[in-house]
């Protein structure tokens, strides 16, 4: 009976150590200035903004935009031939 209890205790200790490591990793990844609730509160706004950008990018007006090569040519883009 004590051997089974020792195995159960060691599993509990291992789980607590793993949970502690996860908490420490989260604290380190968030840095000193941000908290997890603060980061999660900004997620809906970010998703909303990305959705709006997608709607704007595929609107009729945006699809009619054509790029014209500038007089000096493109500096960072290559024109497909």
PDB file of N, CA and C in Angstrom:
ATOM      1  N   UNK A   1       0.814  -1.186   0.000  1.00  0.00           N
ATOM      2  CA  UNK A   1       0.000   0.000   0.000  1.00  0.00           C
ATOM      3  C   UNK A   1       0.862   1.255   0.000  1.00  0.00           C
ATOM      4  N   UNK A   2       1.960   1.249   0.742  1.00  0.00           N
ATOM      5  CA  UNK A   2       2.808   2.437   0.825  1.00  0.00           C
ATOM      6  C   UNK A   2       3.534   2.684  -0.493  1.00  0.00           C
ATOM      7  N   UNK A   3       3.833   1.623  -1.232  1.00  0.00           N
ATOM      8  CA  UNK A   3       4.495   1.794  -2.514  1.00  0.00           C
ATOM      9  C   UNK A   3       3.555   2.482  -3.509  1.00  0.00           C
ATOM     10  N   UNK A   4       2.283   2.125  -3.517  1.00  0.00           N
ATOM     11  CA  UNK A   4       1.290   2.759  -4.382  1.00  0.00           C
ATOM     12  C   UNK A   4       1.113   4.219  -3.987  1.00  0.00           C
ATOM     13  N   UNK A   5       1.122   4.460  -2.673  1.00  0.00           N
ATOM     14  CA  UNK A   5       0.974   5.830  -2.178  1.00  0.00           C
ATOM     15  C   UNK A   5       2.191   6.671  -2.564  1.00  0.00           C
ATOM     16  N   UNK A   6       3.385   6.086  -2.517  1.00  0.00           N
ATOM     17  CA  UNK A   6       4.597   6.799  -2.918  1.00  0.00           C
ATOM     18  C   UNK A   6       4.567   7.174  -4.397  1.00  0.00           C
ATOM     19  N   UNK A   7       4.066   6.257  -5.230  1.00  0.00           N
ATOM     20  CA  UNK A   7       3.966   6.547  -6.656  1.00  0.00           C
ATOM     21  C   UNK A   7       2.967   7.681  -6.902  1.00  0.00           C
ATOM     22  N   UNK A   8       1.850   7.646  -6.185  1.00  0.00           N
ATOM     23  CA  UNK A   8       0.851   8.705  -6.312  1.00  0.00           C
ATOM     24  C   UNK A   8       1.400  10.044  -5.862  1.00  0.00           C
ATOM     25  N   UNK A   9       2.159  10.027  -4.755  1.00  0.00           N
ATOM     26  CA  UNK A   9       2.766  11.264  -4.260  1.00  0.00           C
ATOM     27  C   UNK A   9       3.790  11.811  -5.248  1.00  0.00           C
ATOM     28  N   UNK A  10       4.568  10.923  -5.842  1.00  0.00           N
ATOM     29  CA  UNK A  10       5.580  11.381  -6.797  1.00  0.00           C
ATOM     30  C   UNK A  10       4.925  11.958  -8.053  1.00  0.00           C
ATOM     31  N   UNK A  11       3.773  11.403  -8.450  1.00  0.00           N
ATOM     32  CA  UNK A  11       3.051  11.951  -9.594  1.00  0.00           C
ATOM     33  C   UNK A  11       2.510  13.346  -9.279  1.00  0.00           C
ATOM     34  N   UNK A  12       2.016  13.542  -8.078  1.00  0.00           N
ATOM     35  CA  UNK A  12       1.508  14.847  -7.658  1.00  0.00           C
ATOM     36  C   UNK A  12       2.640  15.864  -7.645  1.00  0.00           C
ATOM     37  N   UNK A  13       3.789  15.467  -7.128  1.00  0.00           N
ATOM     38  CA  UNK A  13       4.948  16.352  -7.083  1.00  0.00           C
ATOM     39  C   UNK A  13       5.384  16.713  -8.500  1.00  0.00           C
ATOM     40  N   UNK A  14       5.400  15.733  -9.383  1.00  0.00           N
ATOM     41  CA  UNK A  14       5.812  15.980 -10.766  1.00  0.00           C
ATOM     42  C   UNK A  14       4.844  16.942 -11.451  1.00  0.00           C
ATOM     43  N   UNK A  15       3.546  16.782 -11.199  1.00  0.00           N
ATOM     44  CA  UNK A  15       2.552  17.685 -11.795  1.00  0.00           C
ATOM     45  C   UNK A  15       2.712  19.104 -11.266  1.00  0.00           C
ATOM     46  N   UNK A  16       2.964  19.228  -9.969  1.00  0.00           N
ATOM     47  CA  UNK A  16       3.151  20.560  -9.386  1.00  0.00           C
ATOM     48  C   UNK A  16       4.401  21.235  -9.947  1.00  0.00           C
ATOM     49  N   UNK A  17       5.457  20.466 -10.123  1.00  0.00           N
ATOM     50  CA  UNK A  17       6.679  21.023 -10.694  1.00  0.00           C
ATOM     51  C   UNK A  17       6.446  21.464 -12.140  1.00  0.00           C
ATOM     52  N   UNK A  18       5.710  20.658 -12.890  1.00  0.00           N
ATOM     53  CA  UNK A  18       5.408  21.018 -14.280  1.00  0.00           C
ATOM     54  C   UNK A  18       4.561  22.285 -14.328  1.00  0.00           C
ATOM     55  N   UNK A  19       3.569  22.387 -13.461  1.00  0.00           N
ATOM     56  CA  UNK A  19       2.730  23.582 -13.410  1.00  0.00           C
ATOM     57  C   UNK A  19       3.549  24.799 -13.033  1.00  0.00           C
ATOM     58  N   UNK A  20       4.463  24.631 -12.122  1.00  0.00           N
ATOM     59  CA  UNK A  20       5.332  25.736 -11.716  1.00  0.00           C
ATOM     60  C   UNK A  20       6.209  26.197 -12.870  1.00  0.00           C
ATOM     61  N   UNK A  21       6.736  25.246 -13.650  1.00  0.00           N
ATOM     62  CA  UNK A  21       7.558  25.602 -14.815  1.00  0.00           C
ATOM     63  C   UNK A  21       6.741  26.342 -15.864  1.00  0.00           C
ATOM     64  N   UNK A  22       5.502  25.904 -16.083  1.00  0.00           N
ATOM     65  CA  UNK A  22       4.635  26.572 -17.050  1.00  0.00           C
ATOM     66  C   UNK A  22       4.356  28.005 -16.608  1.00  0.00           C
ATOM     67  N   UNK A  23       4.041  28.186 -15.324  1.00  0.00           N
ATOM     68  CA  UNK A  23       3.794  29.533 -14.811  1.00  0.00           C
ATOM     69  C   UNK A  23       5.030  30.417 -14.958  1.00  0.00           C
ATOM     70  N   UNK A  24       6.184  29.867 -14.687  1.00  0.00           N
ATOM     71  CA  UNK A  24       7.424  30.626 -14.816  1.00  0.00           C
ATOM     72  C   UNK A  24       7.672  30.985 -16.285  1.00  0.00           C
ATOM     73  N   UNK A  25       7.425  30.055 -17.199  1.00  0.00           N
ATOM     74  CA  UNK A  25       7.590  30.333 -18.627  1.00  0.00           C
ATOM     75  C   UNK A  25       6.653  31.447 -19.081  1.00  0.00           C
ATOM     76  N   UNK A  26       5.422  31.418 -18.599  1.00  0.00           N
ATOM     77  CA  UNK A  26       4.461  32.457 -18.962  1.00  0.00           C
ATOM     78  C   UNK A  26       4.925  33.805 -18.440  1.00  0.00           C
ATOM     79  N   UNK A  27       5.378  33.836 -17.199  1.00  0.00           N
ATOM     80  CA  UNK A  27       5.870  35.096 -16.630  1.00  0.00           C
ATOM     81  C   UNK A  27       7.053  35.640 -17.428  1.00  0.00           C
ATOM     82  N   UNK A  28       7.965  34.762 -17.815  1.00  0.00           N
ATOM     83  CA  UNK A  28       9.137  35.193 -18.570  1.00  0.00           C
ATOM     84  C   UNK A  28       8.762  35.658 -19.976  1.00  0.00           C
ATOM     85  N   UNK A  29       7.809  34.967 -20.599  1.00  0.00           N
ATOM     86  CA  UNK A  29       7.435  35.344 -21.960  1.00  0.00           C
ATOM     87  C   UNK A  29       6.656  36.651 -21.986  1.00  0.00           C
ATOM     88  N   UNK A  30       5.933  36.972 -20.928  1.00  0.00           N
ATOM     89  CA  UNK A  30       5.168  38.213 -20.890  1.00  0.00           C
ATOM     90  C   UNK A  30       6.047  39.407 -20.563  1.00  0.00           C
ATOM     91  N   UNK A  31       7.191  39.165 -20.001  1.00  0.00           N
ATOM     92  CA  UNK A  31       8.061  40.262 -19.602  1.00  0.00           C
ATOM     93  C   UNK A  31       7.576  40.881 -18.306  1.00  0.00           C
ATOM     94  N   UNK A  32       8.152  41.982 -17.959  1.00  0.00           N
ATOM     95  CA  UNK A  32       7.826  42.633 -16.690  1.00  0.00           C
ATOM     96  C   UNK A  32       6.639  43.571 -16.805  1.00  0.00           C
ATOM     97  N   UNK A  33       6.259  43.987 -18.018  1.00  0.00           N
ATOM     98  CA  UNK A  33       5.271  45.048 -18.156  1.00  0.00           C
ATOM     99  C   UNK A  33       3.864  44.560 -18.467  1.00  0.00           C
ATOM    100  N   UNK A  34       3.689  43.345 -18.938  1.00  0.00           N
ATOM    101  CA  UNK A  34       2.365  42.902 -19.353  1.00  0.00           C
ATOM    102  C   UNK A  34       1.892  41.729 -18.522  1.00  0.00           C
ATOM    103  N   UNK A  35       0.591  41.682 -18.338  1.00  0.00           N
ATOM    104  CA  UNK A  35      -0.008  40.553 -17.631  1.00  0.00           C
ATOM    105  C   UNK A  35      -0.854  39.758 -18.622  1.00  0.00           C
ATOM    106  N   UNK A  36      -1.132  38.522 -18.295  1.00  0.00           N
ATOM    107  CA  UNK A  36      -1.907  37.666 -19.180  1.00  0.00           C
ATOM    108  C   UNK A  36      -3.306  38.234 -19.432  1.00  0.00           C
ATOM    109  N   UNK A  37      -4.047  38.692 -18.413  1.00  0.00           N
ATOM    110  CA  UNK A  37      -5.369  39.267 -18.703  1.00  0.00           C
ATOM    111  C   UNK A  37      -5.301  40.477 -19.632  1.00  0.00           C
ATOM    112  N   UNK A  38      -4.276  41.303 -19.464  1.00  0.00           N
ATOM    113  CA  UNK A  38      -4.131  42.474 -20.335  1.00  0.00           C
ATOM    114  C   UNK A  38      -3.917  42.038 -21.783  1.00  0.00           C
ATOM    115  N   UNK A  39      -3.095  41.033 -21.992  1.00  0.00           N
ATOM    116  CA  UNK A  39      -2.848  40.551 -23.349  1.00  0.00           C
ATOM    117  C   UNK A  39      -4.105  39.935 -23.955  1.00  0.00           C
ATOM    118  N   UNK A  40      -4.866  39.186 -23.154  1.00  0.00           N
ATOM    119  CA  UNK A  40      -6.067  38.543 -23.670  1.00  0.00           C
ATOM    120  C   UNK A  40      -7.154  39.557 -23.986  1.00  0.00           C
ATOM    121  N   UNK A  41      -7.185  40.678 -23.274  1.00  0.00           N
ATOM    122  CA  UNK A  41      -8.202  41.694 -23.530  1.00  0.00           C
ATOM    123  C   UNK A  41      -7.976  42.367 -24.880  1.00  0.00           C
ATOM    124  N   UNK A  42      -6.756  42.402 -25.378  1.00  0.00           N
ATOM    125  CA  UNK A  42      -6.475  43.047 -26.656  1.00  0.00           C
ATOM    126  C   UNK A  42      -6.714  42.126 -27.850  1.00  0.00           C
ATOM    127  N   UNK A  43      -6.879  40.831 -27.619  1.00  0.00           N
ATOM    128  CA  UNK A  43      -7.047  39.881 -28.721  1.00  0.00           C
ATOM    129  C   UNK A  43      -8.303  40.156 -29.557  1.00  0.00           C
ATOM    130  N   UNK A  44      -9.480  40.412 -28.966  1.00  0.00           N
ATOM    131  CA  UNK A  44     -10.656  40.678 -29.809  1.00  0.00           C
ATOM    132  C   UNK A  44     -10.480  41.903 -30.699  1.00  0.00           C
ATOM    133  N   UNK A  45      -9.826  42.939 -30.203  1.00  0.00           N
ATOM    134  CA  UNK A  45      -9.583  44.123 -31.013  1.00  0.00           C
ATOM    135  C   UNK A  45      -8.680  43.787 -32.196  1.00  0.00           C
ATOM    136  N   UNK A  46      -7.648  43.007 -31.959  1.00  0.00           N
ATOM    137  CA  UNK A  46      -6.731  42.623 -33.042  1.00  0.00           C
ATOM    138  C   UNK A  46      -7.461  41.804 -34.107  1.00  0.00           C
ATOM    139  N   UNK A  47      -8.306  40.874 -33.691  1.00  0.00           N
ATOM    140  CA  UNK A  47      -9.057  40.052 -34.640  1.00  0.00           C
ATOM    141  C   UNK A  47     -10.018  40.935 -35.437  1.00  0.00           C
ATOM    142  N   UNK A  48     -10.676  41.882 -34.756  1.00  0.00           N
ATOM    143  CA  UNK A  48     -11.588  42.791 -35.432  1.00  0.00           C
ATOM    144  C   UNK A  48     -10.859  43.633 -36.476  1.00  0.00           C
ATOM    145  N   UNK A  49      -9.699  44.164 -36.120  1.00  0.00           N
ATOM    146  CA  UNK A  49      -8.942  44.975 -37.063  1.00  0.00           C
ATOM    147  C   UNK A  49      -8.490  44.164 -38.275  1.00  0.00           C
ATOM    148  N   UNK A  50      -8.042  42.941 -38.051  1.00  0.00           N
ATOM    149  CA  UNK A  50      -7.633  42.097 -39.178  1.00  0.00           C
ATOM    150  C   UNK A  50      -8.810  41.793 -40.095  1.00  0.00           C
ATOM    151  N   UNK A  51      -9.983  41.575 -39.514  1.00  0.00           N
ATOM    152  CA  UNK A  51     -11.183  41.347 -40.322  1.00  0.00           C
ATOM    153  C   UNK A  51     -11.533  42.562 -41.154  1.00  0.00           C
ATOM    154  N   UNK A  52     -11.432  43.753 -40.567  1.00  0.00           N
ATOM    155  CA  UNK A  52     -11.718  44.981 -41.310  1.00  0.00           C
ATOM    156  C   UNK A  52     -10.722  45.192 -42.444  1.00  0.00           C
ATOM    157  N   UNK A  53      -9.463  44.887 -42.189  1.00  0.00           N
ATOM    158  CA  UNK A  53      -8.443  45.018 -43.236  1.00  0.00           C
ATOM    159  C   UNK A  53      -8.755  44.083 -44.397  1.00  0.00           C
ATOM    160  N   UNK A  54      -9.185  42.866 -44.080  1.00  0.00           N
ATOM    161  CA  UNK A  54      -9.524  41.906 -45.136  1.00  0.00           C
ATOM    162  C   UNK A  54     -10.709  42.416 -45.947  1.00  0.00           C
ATOM    163  N   UNK A  55     -11.728  42.947 -45.271  1.00  0.00           N
ATOM    164  CA  UNK A  55     -12.881  43.477 -45.988  1.00  0.00           C
ATOM    165  C   UNK A  55     -12.488  44.636 -46.897  1.00  0.00           C
ATOM    166  N   UNK A  56     -11.631  45.510 -46.397  1.00  0.00           N
ATOM    167  CA  UNK A  56     -11.195  46.646 -47.210  1.00  0.00           C
ATOM    168  C   UNK A  56     -10.346  46.198 -48.388  1.00  0.00           C
ATOM    169  N   UNK A  57      -9.483  45.218 -48.165  1.00  0.00           N
ATOM    170  CA  UNK A  57      -8.575  44.769 -49.222  1.00  0.00           C
ATOM    171  C   UNK A  57      -9.324  44.115 -50.377  1.00  0.00           C
ATOM    172  N   UNK A  58     -10.461  43.493 -50.101  1.00  0.00           N
ATOM    173  CA  UNK A  58     -11.202  42.794 -51.148  1.00  0.00           C
ATOM    174  C   UNK A  58     -12.470  43.524 -51.552  1.00  0.00           C
ATOM    175  N   UNK A  59     -12.576  44.796 -51.196  1.00  0.00           N
ATOM    176  CA  UNK A  59     -13.738  45.580 -51.628  1.00  0.00           C
ATOM    177  C   UNK A  59     -13.593  45.908 -53.113  1.00  0.00           C
ATOM    178  N   UNK A  60     -14.695  46.326 -53.741  1.00  0.00           N
ATOM    179  CA  UNK A  60     -14.662  46.651 -55.168  1.00  0.00           C
ATOM    180  C   UNK A  60     -13.665  47.757 -55.467  1.00  0.00           C
ATOM    181  N   UNK A  61     -13.618  48.760 -54.608  1.00  0.00           N
ATOM    182  CA  UNK A  61     -12.704  49.875 -54.835  1.00  0.00           C
ATOM    183  C   UNK A  61     -11.240  49.409 -54.777  1.00  0.00           C
ATOM    184  N   UNK A  62     -10.918  48.584 -53.806  1.00  0.00           N
ATOM    185  CA  UNK A  62      -9.532  48.130 -53.654  1.00  0.00           C
ATOM    186  C   UNK A  62      -9.117  47.230 -54.805  1.00  0.00           C
ATOM    187  N   UNK A  63     -10.041  46.458 -55.367  1.00  0.00           N
ATOM    188  CA  UNK A  63      -9.697  45.557 -56.464  1.00  0.00           C
ATOM    189  C   UNK A  63      -9.477  46.320 -57.769  1.00  0.00           C
ATOM    190  N   UNK A  64      -9.965  47.559 -57.861  1.00  0.00           N
ATOM    191  CA  UNK A  64      -9.784  48.351 -59.079  1.00  0.00           C
ATOM    192  C   UNK A  64      -8.467  49.126 -59.083  1.00  0.00           C
ATOM    193  N   UNK A  65      -7.740  49.116 -57.993  1.00  0.00           N
ATOM    194  CA  UNK A  65      -6.485  49.861 -57.917  1.00  0.00           C
ATOM    195  C   UNK A  65      -5.433  49.171 -58.781  1.00  0.00           C
ATOM    196  N   UNK A  66      -4.810  49.934 -59.647  1.00  0.00           N
ATOM    197  CA  UNK A  66      -3.743  49.404 -60.500  1.00  0.00           C
ATOM    198  C   UNK A  66      -2.477  50.194 -60.217  1.00  0.00           C
ATOM    199  N   UNK A  67      -1.395  49.511 -60.069  1.00  0.00           N
ATOM    200  CA  UNK A  67      -0.115  50.174 -59.843  1.00  0.00           C
ATOM    201  C   UNK A  67       0.511  50.529 -61.174  1.00  0.00           C
ATOM    202  N   UNK A  68       1.042  51.734 -61.262  1.00  0.00           N
ATOM    203  CA  UNK A  68       1.760  52.152 -62.454  1.00  0.00           C
ATOM    204  C   UNK A  68       3.228  52.323 -62.082  1.00  0.00           C
ATOM    205  N   UNK A  69       4.066  51.946 -62.996  1.00  0.00           N
ATOM    206  CA  UNK A  69       5.497  52.044 -62.726  1.00  0.00           C
ATOM    207  C   UNK A  69       5.905  53.519 -62.653  1.00  0.00           C
ATOM    208  N   UNK A  70       6.625  53.907 -61.598  1.00  0.00           N
ATOM    209  CA  UNK A  70       7.067  55.288 -61.498  1.00  0.00           C
ATOM    210  C   UNK A  70       8.126  55.617 -62.553  1.00  0.00           C
ATOM    211  N   UNK A  71       8.367  56.909 -62.751  1.00  0.00           N
ATOM    212  CA  UNK A  71       9.316  57.352 -63.785  1.00  0.00           C
ATOM    213  C   UNK A  71      10.694  56.722 -63.611  1.00  0.00           C
ATOM    214  N   UNK A  72      11.171  56.674 -62.393  1.00  0.00           N
ATOM    215  CA  UNK A  72      12.503  56.117 -62.148  1.00  0.00           C
ATOM    216  C   UNK A  72      12.504  54.605 -61.996  1.00  0.00           C
ATOM    217  N   UNK A  73      11.360  53.989 -62.132  1.00  0.00           N
ATOM    218  CA  UNK A  73      11.259  52.551 -61.939  1.00  0.00           C
ATOM    219  C   UNK A  73      11.045  52.206 -60.467  1.00  0.00           C
ATOM    220  N   UNK A  74      10.745  50.974 -60.222  1.00  0.00           N
ATOM    221  CA  UNK A  74      10.535  50.519 -58.851  1.00  0.00           C
ATOM    222  C   UNK A  74      11.881  50.330 -58.169  1.00  0.00           C
ATOM    223  N   UNK A  75      11.982  50.741 -56.906  1.00  0.00           N
ATOM    224  CA  UNK A  75      13.222  50.538 -56.162  1.00  0.00           C
ATOM    225  C   UNK A  75      13.256  49.176 -55.488  1.00  0.00           C
ATOM    226  N   UNK A  76      12.125  48.729 -54.964  1.00  0.00           N
ATOM    227  CA  UNK A  76      12.116  47.520 -54.154  1.00  0.00           C
ATOM    228  C   UNK A  76      11.294  46.395 -54.770  1.00  0.00           C
ATOM    229  N   UNK A  77      10.571  46.672 -55.839  1.00  0.00           N
ATOM    230  CA  UNK A  77       9.754  45.654 -56.496  1.00  0.00           C
ATOM    231  C   UNK A  77      10.327  45.331 -57.859  1.00  0.00           C
ATOM    232  N   UNK A  78      10.156  44.117 -58.283  1.00  0.00           N
ATOM    233  CA  UNK A  78      10.565  43.753 -59.627  1.00  0.00           C
ATOM    234  C   UNK A  78       9.315  43.541 -60.457  1.00  0.00           C
ATOM    235  N   UNK A  79       9.297  44.129 -61.634  1.00  0.00           N
ATOM    236  CA  UNK A  79       8.139  43.978 -62.515  1.00  0.00           C
ATOM    237  C   UNK A  79       8.187  42.628 -63.196  1.00  0.00           C
ATOM    238  N   UNK A  80       7.071  41.900 -63.111  1.00  0.00           N
ATOM    239  CA  UNK A  80       7.007  40.589 -63.749  1.00  0.00           C
ATOM    240  C   UNK A  80       6.947  40.779 -65.255  1.00  0.00           C
ATOM    241  N   UNK A  81       7.702  39.986 -65.974  1.00  0.00           N
ATOM    242  CA  UNK A  81       7.713  40.121 -67.430  1.00  0.00           C
ATOM    243  C   UNK A  81       6.977  38.999 -68.092  1.00  0.00           C
TER     244      UNK A  81
END
